[in-house]
Amino acid sequence: MWNITIIKNFIPLRPEVSLGETTNPSMVGGVPTLCWHQNSEVQRTDIHAYPIITNKDTGELWKEANLYLFDITFNVNMPELEPETILSKSKDLAEMRNILDEDETSYLSDSLHKVLRPTYVLCERLGERLGLGKSKDSCIRIIRNTISFYEWLQENKHATFKYPLWKETEITVPIDDDIGRTIYLEKKRFDLIWDFRKRSKSILLQAENEGSSNDTTIIDGGRLTPLEPTEQIQMFESLRESNRYSIGLSFQFSISSGARIESTFTLKKKHFEKKAVDNGEYVHIAAGPGTGIDTKRDKPQILEVSGLVYNKIKTYLDSPDYKKLESKAPIYKDAREQYVFLTDQGNPYYSSSDHRMLHNFNGGTIRKFIGETLKPLLNKRGFYRSFSFHDLRATCGINMINANLHLVESGEISRDRLLNMVRKKLNLNSINVALQYLGYNCNHKIESKTQDAWETFLFKEWDDFK
């Protein structure tokens, strides 16, 4: 989580000042990153309250963003900005970075596919927040400040992008001067802002019609929206029509276990070696450091998946289709380290941390599939809202609530016991997040089914798929 730290009486160092043994108020934790400046002169000698962007969890400074803020604040060649403006820009950049991190999109991502480029991902996610009550003006301001930041990155050679982060066109805008004459000004129009303005009208209208409120999402490492039962059926019907059996299995695994994208797509063959697993059992798979399965912040976790899904994946690993993909895949010293889910080219969808020196895939292919293939198929079935892979995790939590709520109502288990079951299943840090799942269920009055029966019903078509 990126946030703002305020430094009081910030004093910028000129480049000729030695940084070796200098103690300076602009240094945070002994890190002199914010003291570097490319110009020989600065327009201010100090500022009472100067914002920097830091990672709340690690203490890391976001180097490029902080250099950008430093430059626009102190560069003698730039207009002097009010402290409130500098603070506003820093907050917008921190929010932009948090949104991209939640989506697991690098702010330096340079993708051939527009839907995976950070600026377009940002606009998509801001559109979702717009429907949840965030103001249109603040969304557009974040987009503008993001554009300014990326312009600075490229102009100052801090980053280069092969593929454009936006499209801009020159337009002529008529305005009236002080005496009533019409004059024409040349301005740039950015597709990010133009398209967002057009989309915002329909988003706000839909939110108003549906009585949208903040209880439509669950905050669990990002804003997640669980799929209701009819939406889950639409999802798997669409996956079947896409003719991507292995991706369907990955979705089943995530819904059954609550695994995040980095865990689902770093599953290896060695994790599916148990024999004689009954479909009604639950199989426990260790994830985290030393297991070959990545987790958020490397937190140890036990993934609990139904025997039904476990056996489906075991069967798939012995299939000719998997063997064909495996023959194209990178070769590891231990064949058991091969990934379960492989792209058509034989690459992993997501590189586990122990393989980053060999390759570095971060889920871009699966996000492209969702955006370009799955969403149009969902739209055919009346499923129009935004969707991300992480919504499957929220769906797992809601399915678990539904499966056990009748036990609470009958007095067989307590409400606290159910909350702890959800917390353990999803490896949640706080019981407050589990409370959100219970609250979401009550607000939406989702029909209760036992989890085993529901998963059997939901996944049954896959038995005849291959």
Protein backbone atom coordinates (compact mmCIF):
# COMPACT_ATOMS: atom_id res chain seq x y z
CA MET A 1 0.00 0.00 0.00
CA TRP A 2 1.50 3.33 -1.10
CA ASN A 3 0.78 6.42 0.93
CA ILE A 4 2.03 9.94 1.59
CA THR A 5 4.66 10.85 4.17
CA ILE A 6 5.08 14.53 4.95
CA ILE A 7 8.59 15.91 5.58
CA LYS A 8 8.63 19.12 7.59
CA ASN A 9 10.93 21.98 6.49
CA PHE A 10 12.25 20.05 3.50
CA ILE A 11 15.56 21.44 2.15
CA PRO A 12 16.64 20.28 -1.34
CA LEU A 13 20.35 19.66 -1.92
CA ARG A 14 22.06 21.10 -4.97
CA PRO A 15 23.96 18.51 -7.04
CA GLU A 16 27.36 19.90 -6.05
CA VAL A 17 26.64 19.06 -2.39
CA SER A 18 28.25 15.78 -1.39
CA LEU A 19 25.71 13.20 -0.34
CA GLY A 20 28.27 10.86 1.20
CA GLU A 21 28.12 11.92 4.84
CA THR A 22 25.52 14.69 4.63
CA THR A 23 22.61 14.67 7.01
CA ASN A 24 19.65 16.42 5.44
CA PRO A 25 15.97 16.77 6.37
CA SER A 26 15.11 15.50 2.89
CA MET A 27 16.61 12.12 3.69
CA VAL A 28 14.22 9.41 4.92
CA GLY A 29 15.74 6.49 6.74
CA GLY A 30 19.17 7.52 5.42
CA VAL A 31 18.04 7.18 1.78
CA PRO A 32 19.21 10.20 -0.25
CA THR A 33 17.06 9.50 -3.32
CA LEU A 34 15.07 12.70 -2.90
CA CYS A 35 18.20 14.86 -2.75
CA TRP A 36 19.29 14.14 -6.34
CA HIS A 37 18.45 16.88 -8.79
CA GLN A 38 19.40 17.19 -12.44
CA ASN A 39 19.43 21.01 -12.59
CA SER A 40 22.13 23.37 -11.32
CA GLU A 41 19.55 25.67 -9.77
CA VAL A 42 16.36 25.23 -7.82
CA GLN A 43 13.65 27.85 -7.48
CA ARG A 44 13.00 27.25 -3.77
CA THR A 45 15.39 26.75 -0.90
CA ASP A 46 12.90 24.96 1.33
CA ILE A 47 9.23 24.03 1.70
CA HIS A 48 7.39 23.72 4.99
CA ALA A 49 5.58 20.43 4.33
CA TYR A 50 6.82 18.31 1.43
CA PRO A 51 5.09 15.03 0.45
CA ILE A 52 6.90 11.86 -0.56
CA ILE A 53 5.37 8.55 -1.66
CA THR A 54 6.39 5.52 0.38
CA ASN A 55 5.24 1.93 0.72
CA LYS A 56 3.45 1.60 4.06
CA ASP A 57 4.40 -2.08 4.40
CA THR A 58 8.08 -2.03 3.35
CA GLY A 59 9.16 1.59 3.78
CA GLU A 60 10.30 1.62 0.15
CA LEU A 61 10.32 4.96 -1.66
CA TRP A 62 8.77 5.09 -5.13
CA LYS A 63 11.85 6.53 -6.77
CA GLU A 64 10.47 7.75 -10.13
CA ALA A 65 7.36 9.35 -8.65
CA ASN A 66 9.36 11.11 -5.95
CA LEU A 67 11.86 12.42 -8.49
CA TYR A 68 8.94 13.70 -10.55
CA LEU A 69 7.44 15.51 -7.55
CA PHE A 70 10.87 16.92 -6.71
CA ASP A 71 11.36 18.21 -10.25
CA ILE A 72 7.97 19.90 -10.62
CA THR A 73 8.39 21.46 -7.17
CA PHE A 74 11.96 22.76 -7.31
CA ASN A 75 12.95 22.96 -10.99
CA VAL A 76 13.65 26.59 -11.82
CA ASN A 77 12.40 26.03 -15.38
CA MET A 78 8.90 25.04 -14.23
CA PRO A 79 6.06 27.19 -12.87
CA GLU A 80 5.99 27.42 -9.11
CA LEU A 81 3.25 25.22 -7.68
CA GLU A 82 1.23 25.81 -4.55
CA PRO A 83 1.91 23.31 -1.72
CA GLU A 84 -1.71 22.13 -1.93
CA THR A 85 -1.22 21.30 -5.62
CA ILE A 86 1.93 19.31 -4.91
CA LEU A 87 0.16 17.37 -2.16
CA SER A 88 -2.83 16.67 -4.44
CA LYS A 89 -0.56 15.36 -7.21
CA SER A 90 1.28 13.10 -4.77
CA LYS A 91 -1.98 11.64 -3.45
CA ASP A 92 -3.23 10.99 -6.99
CA LEU A 93 0.00 9.19 -7.95
CA ALA A 94 -0.15 7.07 -4.79
CA GLU A 95 -3.75 6.12 -5.59
CA MET A 96 -2.80 5.32 -9.17
CA ARG A 97 0.00 3.02 -7.99
CA ASN A 98 -2.28 1.29 -5.48
CA ILE A 99 -4.91 0.67 -8.16
CA LEU A 100 -2.32 -0.85 -10.50
CA ASP A 101 -0.81 -2.95 -7.70
CA GLU A 102 -4.26 -4.29 -6.78
CA ASP A 103 -4.67 -5.32 -10.41
CA GLU A 104 -1.09 -6.71 -10.41
CA THR A 105 -0.21 -4.47 -13.35
CA SER A 106 3.26 -2.92 -13.33
CA TYR A 107 3.27 0.84 -13.78
CA LEU A 108 6.09 0.26 -16.28
CA SER A 109 4.23 -2.44 -18.23
CA ASP A 110 4.75 -2.09 -21.98
CA SER A 111 2.24 -4.40 -23.62
CA LEU A 112 1.26 -4.93 -27.23
CA HIS A 113 -2.32 -5.22 -26.00
CA LYS A 114 -3.91 -1.91 -25.05
CA VAL A 115 -6.08 -3.42 -22.31
CA LEU A 116 -2.91 -4.43 -20.41
CA ARG A 117 -1.16 -1.04 -20.56
CA PRO A 118 -1.12 0.68 -17.16
CA THR A 119 -2.96 3.84 -18.22
CA TYR A 120 -5.85 1.90 -19.75
CA VAL A 121 -6.00 -0.48 -16.77
CA LEU A 122 -6.17 2.57 -14.51
CA CYS A 123 -9.09 4.06 -16.45
CA GLU A 124 -10.96 0.74 -16.36
CA ARG A 125 -10.55 0.47 -12.58
CA LEU A 126 -11.48 4.12 -12.03
CA GLY A 127 -14.65 3.43 -13.99
CA GLU A 128 -15.49 0.71 -11.46
CA ARG A 129 -14.89 3.12 -8.57
CA LEU A 130 -17.06 5.71 -10.28
CA GLY A 131 -20.00 3.33 -10.01
CA LEU A 132 -19.23 2.94 -6.30
CA GLY A 133 -19.50 6.63 -5.51
CA LYS A 134 -16.10 8.13 -6.41
CA SER A 135 -16.54 11.52 -8.06
CA LYS A 136 -16.02 11.91 -11.79
CA ASP A 137 -13.89 15.02 -11.29
CA SER A 138 -11.45 13.25 -8.96
CA CYS A 139 -11.15 10.33 -11.42
CA ILE A 140 -10.35 12.70 -14.29
CA ARG A 141 -7.85 14.59 -12.13
CA ILE A 142 -6.06 11.29 -11.36
CA ILE A 143 -5.94 10.50 -15.08
CA ARG A 144 -4.52 13.96 -15.89
CA ASN A 145 -1.84 13.69 -13.21
CA THR A 146 -1.00 10.19 -14.42
CA ILE A 147 -0.52 11.47 -17.98
CA SER A 148 1.75 14.27 -16.69
CA PHE A 149 3.81 11.75 -14.73
CA TYR A 150 4.28 9.44 -17.73
CA GLU A 151 5.14 12.40 -19.98
CA TRP A 152 7.84 13.38 -17.48
CA LEU A 153 9.11 9.78 -17.24
CA GLN A 154 9.64 9.62 -20.98
CA GLU A 155 10.96 13.16 -21.48
CA ASN A 156 13.57 12.63 -18.75
CA LYS A 157 14.54 9.14 -19.98
CA HIS A 158 13.43 7.37 -16.79
CA ALA A 159 11.33 4.97 -18.87
CA THR A 160 10.59 4.22 -22.49
CA PHE A 161 7.48 2.61 -23.91
CA LYS A 162 7.31 0.89 -27.27
CA TYR A 163 3.51 1.00 -27.27
CA PRO A 164 1.58 4.25 -26.65
CA LEU A 165 0.02 4.80 -23.25
CA TRP A 166 -2.65 7.04 -24.80
CA LYS A 167 -3.65 8.65 -28.04
CA GLU A 168 -3.72 12.39 -28.37
CA THR A 169 -5.18 14.63 -31.07
CA GLU A 170 -5.06 18.37 -31.68
CA ILE A 171 -8.45 20.07 -31.45
CA THR A 172 -9.61 23.66 -31.87
CA VAL A 173 -11.68 25.06 -29.02
CA PRO A 174 -13.67 28.31 -29.39
CA ILE A 175 -13.75 30.64 -26.37
CA ASP A 176 -14.89 34.21 -25.79
CA ASP A 177 -12.33 36.81 -24.77
CA ASP A 178 -12.89 39.69 -22.34
CA ILE A 179 -14.70 41.84 -24.88
CA GLY A 180 -16.92 39.11 -26.30
CA ARG A 181 -14.94 38.14 -29.36
CA THR A 182 -14.67 34.47 -30.22
CA ILE A 183 -11.10 33.22 -30.44
CA TYR A 184 -9.84 29.73 -31.13
CA LEU A 185 -7.28 27.84 -29.10
CA GLU A 186 -5.36 24.73 -30.06
CA LYS A 187 -5.55 22.06 -27.35
CA LYS A 188 -4.59 18.42 -26.92
CA ARG A 189 -7.32 15.85 -26.44
CA PHE A 190 -6.35 12.58 -24.76
CA ASP A 191 -8.38 9.47 -25.50
CA LEU A 192 -8.02 8.39 -21.85
CA ILE A 193 -9.96 11.42 -20.63
CA TRP A 194 -12.31 11.71 -23.61
CA ASP A 195 -13.37 8.06 -23.43
CA PHE A 196 -13.66 8.16 -19.64
CA ARG A 197 -16.02 11.16 -19.84
CA LYS A 198 -18.23 9.29 -22.31
CA ARG A 199 -18.22 6.09 -20.24
CA SER A 200 -18.89 7.95 -17.01
CA LYS A 201 -22.34 9.04 -18.18
CA SER A 202 -23.57 5.47 -18.63
CA ILE A 203 -21.78 4.25 -15.48
CA LEU A 204 -23.36 6.93 -13.31
CA LEU A 205 -26.78 6.38 -14.86
CA GLN A 206 -26.54 2.63 -14.26
CA ALA A 207 -25.40 3.18 -10.67
CA GLU A 208 -28.33 5.51 -10.08
CA ASN A 209 -30.82 3.05 -11.56
CA GLU A 210 -29.48 0.15 -9.54
CA GLY A 211 -29.18 2.13 -6.34
CA SER A 212 -25.49 1.32 -6.27
CA SER A 213 -23.81 1.58 -2.90
CA ASN A 214 -20.52 0.62 -1.29
CA ASP A 215 -21.83 -2.78 -0.14
CA THR A 216 -21.45 -4.13 -3.69
CA THR A 217 -17.79 -4.95 -3.17
CA ILE A 218 -15.55 -6.60 -0.61
CA ILE A 219 -12.21 -5.00 0.28
CA ASP A 220 -9.80 -7.95 0.29
CA GLY A 221 -6.48 -6.96 -1.30
CA GLY A 222 -8.51 -4.75 -3.65
CA ARG A 223 -12.20 -4.21 -4.39
CA LEU A 224 -13.67 -7.60 -5.20
CA THR A 225 -17.18 -8.35 -6.44
CA PRO A 226 -18.37 -11.93 -5.84
CA LEU A 227 -20.23 -13.67 -8.65
CA GLU A 228 -23.80 -14.52 -7.79
CA PRO A 229 -24.98 -18.06 -8.65
CA THR A 230 -26.45 -17.07 -12.03
CA GLU A 231 -23.25 -15.19 -12.88
CA GLN A 232 -21.15 -18.24 -11.98
CA ILE A 233 -23.22 -20.31 -14.40
CA GLN A 234 -22.80 -17.63 -17.08
CA MET A 235 -19.06 -17.63 -16.41
CA PHE A 236 -18.59 -21.36 -16.94
CA GLU A 237 -20.91 -21.44 -19.94
CA SER A 238 -18.74 -18.71 -21.46
CA LEU A 239 -15.54 -20.57 -20.61
CA ARG A 240 -16.92 -23.66 -22.26
CA GLU A 241 -17.77 -21.70 -25.41
CA SER A 242 -14.24 -20.24 -25.45
CA ASN A 243 -12.94 -23.81 -25.88
CA ARG A 244 -10.17 -23.18 -23.33
CA TYR A 245 -10.45 -26.18 -21.06
CA SER A 246 -7.30 -25.53 -19.00
CA ILE A 247 -8.34 -21.93 -18.25
CA GLY A 248 -11.71 -23.28 -17.13
CA LEU A 249 -9.88 -25.59 -14.73
CA SER A 250 -7.88 -22.65 -13.36
CA PHE A 251 -11.11 -20.76 -12.68
CA GLN A 252 -12.55 -23.83 -10.96
CA PHE A 253 -9.44 -24.13 -8.79
CA SER A 254 -9.65 -20.49 -7.70
CA ILE A 255 -13.38 -20.62 -6.92
CA SER A 256 -12.91 -23.84 -4.94
CA SER A 257 -9.79 -22.79 -3.02
CA GLY A 258 -9.94 -18.97 -2.94
CA ALA A 259 -6.44 -18.85 -4.43
CA ARG A 260 -5.20 -15.56 -5.86
CA ILE A 261 -3.96 -15.34 -9.44
CA GLU A 262 -0.29 -15.72 -8.44
CA SER A 263 -1.07 -18.90 -6.51
CA THR A 264 -3.36 -20.53 -9.07
CA PHE A 265 -0.96 -20.03 -11.97
CA THR A 266 2.19 -21.14 -10.11
CA LEU A 267 0.73 -24.57 -9.30
CA LYS A 268 3.17 -27.33 -10.36
CA LYS A 269 2.74 -30.99 -11.32
CA LYS A 270 4.27 -32.02 -7.99
CA HIS A 271 1.25 -30.58 -6.18
CA PHE A 272 -1.06 -33.14 -7.80
CA GLU A 273 0.48 -36.47 -6.84
CA LYS A 274 -2.00 -37.67 -4.23
CA LYS A 275 -3.72 -40.94 -5.13
CA ALA A 276 -7.26 -42.20 -4.53
CA VAL A 277 -8.70 -38.81 -3.65
CA ASP A 278 -12.47 -38.92 -3.25
CA ASN A 279 -14.42 -36.19 -5.02
CA GLY A 280 -16.10 -35.32 -1.72
CA GLU A 281 -12.81 -34.80 0.13
CA TYR A 282 -10.88 -31.56 0.47
CA VAL A 283 -7.18 -31.65 -0.42
CA HIS A 284 -4.72 -29.35 1.36
CA ILE A 285 -1.83 -27.89 -0.66
CA ALA A 286 0.93 -25.92 1.07
CA ALA A 287 1.69 -22.56 -0.58
CA GLY A 288 4.23 -19.85 0.10
CA PRO A 289 8.04 -19.80 0.51
CA GLY A 290 9.71 -23.11 -0.34
CA THR A 291 6.63 -24.68 -1.93
CA GLY A 292 6.90 -23.41 -5.50
CA ILE A 293 3.51 -21.67 -5.19
CA ASP A 294 3.60 -17.89 -4.84
CA THR A 295 1.40 -16.09 -2.32
CA LYS A 296 0.74 -12.44 -1.58
CA ARG A 297 3.72 -11.01 0.33
CA ASP A 298 5.15 -14.57 0.56
CA LYS A 299 2.74 -15.43 3.36
CA PRO A 300 2.55 -19.17 4.15
CA GLN A 301 -0.86 -20.58 3.32
CA ILE A 302 -2.76 -23.83 2.96
CA LEU A 303 -4.90 -23.99 -0.18
CA GLU A 304 -7.96 -26.14 0.41
CA VAL A 305 -9.43 -27.43 -2.85
CA SER A 306 -12.25 -29.89 -3.44
CA GLY A 307 -11.34 -33.44 -4.46
CA LEU A 308 -13.57 -32.95 -7.49
CA VAL A 309 -11.39 -30.16 -8.89
CA TYR A 310 -8.17 -31.85 -7.74
CA ASN A 311 -9.05 -35.01 -9.67
CA LYS A 312 -10.04 -33.05 -12.77
CA ILE A 313 -6.60 -31.40 -12.81
CA LYS A 314 -4.85 -34.76 -12.29
CA THR A 315 -6.76 -36.18 -15.25
CA TYR A 316 -5.87 -33.14 -17.36
CA LEU A 317 -2.14 -33.54 -16.56
CA ASP A 318 -2.26 -37.03 -18.13
CA SER A 319 -4.11 -35.83 -21.23
CA PRO A 320 -2.61 -35.53 -24.75
CA ASP A 321 -3.50 -31.82 -24.74
CA TYR A 322 -1.36 -31.14 -21.69
CA LYS A 323 1.49 -33.34 -22.96
CA LYS A 324 1.52 -31.31 -26.19
CA LEU A 325 1.87 -28.02 -24.28
CA GLU A 326 4.44 -29.53 -21.93
CA SER A 327 6.63 -30.46 -24.91
CA LYS A 328 6.92 -26.74 -25.76
CA ALA A 329 7.47 -25.58 -22.19
CA PRO A 330 10.75 -24.57 -20.51
CA ILE A 331 12.64 -27.57 -19.14
CA TYR A 332 13.46 -27.71 -15.43
CA LYS A 333 15.89 -30.01 -13.63
CA ASP A 334 12.98 -31.72 -11.94
CA ALA A 335 10.08 -32.46 -14.33
CA ARG A 336 7.74 -32.26 -11.34
CA GLU A 337 8.44 -28.50 -11.27
CA GLN A 338 6.52 -28.03 -14.53
CA TYR A 339 3.56 -25.66 -14.35
CA VAL A 340 0.02 -27.04 -14.45
CA PHE A 341 -1.38 -24.20 -16.53
CA LEU A 342 0.50 -23.35 -19.73
CA THR A 343 -0.25 -20.99 -22.60
CA ASP A 344 -0.56 -22.17 -26.20
CA GLN A 345 3.15 -21.41 -26.57
CA GLY A 346 4.00 -23.61 -23.57
CA ASN A 347 4.86 -20.69 -21.28
CA PRO A 348 3.60 -20.27 -17.72
CA TYR A 349 0.90 -17.65 -17.24
CA TYR A 350 2.72 -16.52 -14.09
CA SER A 351 6.36 -17.08 -13.08
CA SER A 352 6.92 -18.28 -9.54
CA SER A 353 9.55 -16.41 -7.55
CA ASP A 354 12.03 -19.27 -7.79
CA HIS A 355 11.91 -19.14 -11.60
CA ARG A 356 12.21 -15.37 -12.12
CA MET A 357 15.79 -15.71 -13.37
CA LEU A 358 14.51 -18.02 -16.13
CA HIS A 359 11.39 -16.09 -17.17
CA ASN A 360 9.18 -13.34 -15.85
CA PHE A 361 5.49 -13.74 -16.70
CA ASN A 362 3.02 -11.82 -14.52
CA GLY A 363 -0.46 -12.92 -15.59
CA GLY A 364 -0.76 -10.64 -18.60
CA THR A 365 -1.93 -13.43 -20.89
CA ILE A 366 -4.80 -14.43 -18.60
CA ARG A 367 -5.88 -10.80 -18.21
CA LYS A 368 -5.81 -10.43 -21.99
CA PHE A 369 -7.99 -13.55 -22.29
CA ILE A 370 -10.50 -12.09 -19.81
CA GLY A 371 -10.60 -8.72 -21.55
CA GLU A 372 -10.64 -9.81 -25.18
CA THR A 373 -12.23 -13.27 -25.20
CA LEU A 374 -14.21 -13.91 -22.02
CA LYS A 375 -15.93 -10.55 -21.56
CA PRO A 376 -17.60 -10.57 -25.03
CA LEU A 377 -18.91 -14.08 -24.30
CA LEU A 378 -20.19 -12.93 -20.91
CA ASN A 379 -21.90 -9.95 -22.55
CA LYS A 380 -23.78 -12.35 -24.84
CA ARG A 381 -25.31 -13.86 -21.70
CA GLY A 382 -26.28 -10.55 -20.12
CA PHE A 383 -23.22 -10.31 -17.84
CA TYR A 384 -22.08 -6.71 -18.40
CA ARG A 385 -20.32 -5.63 -15.23
CA SER A 386 -16.56 -5.50 -14.87
CA PHE A 387 -14.79 -8.70 -13.87
CA SER A 388 -11.27 -9.60 -12.78
CA PHE A 389 -9.69 -12.93 -11.86
CA HIS A 390 -9.55 -11.88 -8.19
CA ASP A 391 -13.37 -11.79 -8.11
CA LEU A 392 -13.16 -15.60 -8.09
CA ARG A 393 -11.53 -15.41 -4.66
CA ALA A 394 -14.45 -13.35 -3.36
CA THR A 395 -16.81 -15.85 -4.98
CA CYS A 396 -15.15 -18.67 -3.02
CA GLY A 397 -15.74 -16.78 0.23
CA ILE A 398 -19.41 -16.14 -0.54
CA ASN A 399 -19.96 -19.76 -1.61
CA MET A 400 -18.50 -20.87 1.70
CA ILE A 401 -20.82 -18.53 3.62
CA ASN A 402 -23.78 -19.88 1.65
CA ALA A 403 -22.76 -23.47 2.30
CA ASN A 404 -22.65 -23.03 6.07
CA LEU A 405 -25.11 -20.28 6.92
CA HIS A 406 -27.87 -22.80 7.58
CA LEU A 407 -25.67 -24.33 10.31
CA VAL A 408 -25.52 -20.94 12.03
CA GLU A 409 -29.26 -20.49 11.72
CA SER A 410 -29.90 -23.95 13.20
CA GLY A 411 -27.43 -23.33 16.04
CA GLU A 412 -25.03 -26.12 15.03
CA ILE A 413 -22.13 -23.67 14.72
CA SER A 414 -21.70 -20.11 15.96
CA ARG A 415 -21.41 -17.03 13.78
CA ASP A 416 -17.84 -16.54 15.05
CA ARG A 417 -16.98 -20.11 14.06
CA LEU A 418 -18.20 -19.44 10.52
CA LEU A 419 -16.20 -16.21 10.33
CA ASN A 420 -13.07 -18.05 11.43
CA MET A 421 -13.71 -20.77 8.85
CA VAL A 422 -13.80 -18.09 6.11
CA ARG A 423 -10.72 -16.35 7.53
CA LYS A 424 -8.77 -19.62 7.55
CA LYS A 425 -9.95 -20.69 4.09
CA LEU A 426 -8.92 -17.39 2.48
CA ASN A 427 -5.88 -16.81 4.74
CA LEU A 428 -7.23 -13.40 5.78
CA ASN A 429 -5.22 -11.15 8.10
CA SER A 430 -8.29 -9.77 9.82
CA ILE A 431 -11.64 -11.10 10.92
CA ASN A 432 -13.05 -7.76 9.74
CA VAL A 433 -12.60 -8.87 6.13
CA ALA A 434 -14.53 -12.08 6.88
CA LEU A 435 -17.26 -9.88 8.34
CA GLN A 436 -17.52 -8.16 4.95
CA TYR A 437 -18.28 -11.52 3.33
CA LEU A 438 -21.01 -12.22 5.87
CA GLY A 439 -22.40 -8.69 5.45
CA TYR A 440 -22.36 -9.01 1.66
CA ASN A 441 -24.35 -12.23 1.87
CA CYS A 442 -26.99 -10.66 4.12
CA ASN A 443 -27.30 -7.59 1.89
CA HIS A 444 -27.71 -9.60 -1.28
CA LYS A 445 -29.78 -12.50 0.12
CA ILE A 446 -27.99 -15.05 -2.04
CA GLU A 447 -29.63 -18.46 -2.04
CA SER A 448 -27.84 -20.92 0.23
CA LYS A 449 -26.58 -24.21 -1.14
CA THR A 450 -24.09 -26.61 0.37
CA GLN A 451 -20.66 -25.95 -1.11
CA ASP A 452 -20.10 -29.53 -2.24
CA ALA A 453 -23.47 -29.70 -4.00
CA TRP A 454 -23.02 -26.29 -5.60
CA GLU A 455 -19.51 -27.03 -6.91
CA THR A 456 -20.68 -30.37 -8.27
CA PHE A 457 -23.54 -28.65 -10.09
CA LEU A 458 -21.38 -25.75 -11.29
CA PHE A 459 -18.53 -27.86 -12.63
CA LYS A 460 -20.47 -30.89 -13.90
CA GLU A 461 -20.50 -29.76 -17.54
CA TRP A 462 -16.71 -30.03 -17.57
CA ASP A 463 -17.02 -33.80 -17.22
CA ASP A 464 -18.39 -33.96 -20.76
CA PHE A 465 -16.26 -31.13 -22.13
CA LYS A 466 -13.32 -33.26 -23.18
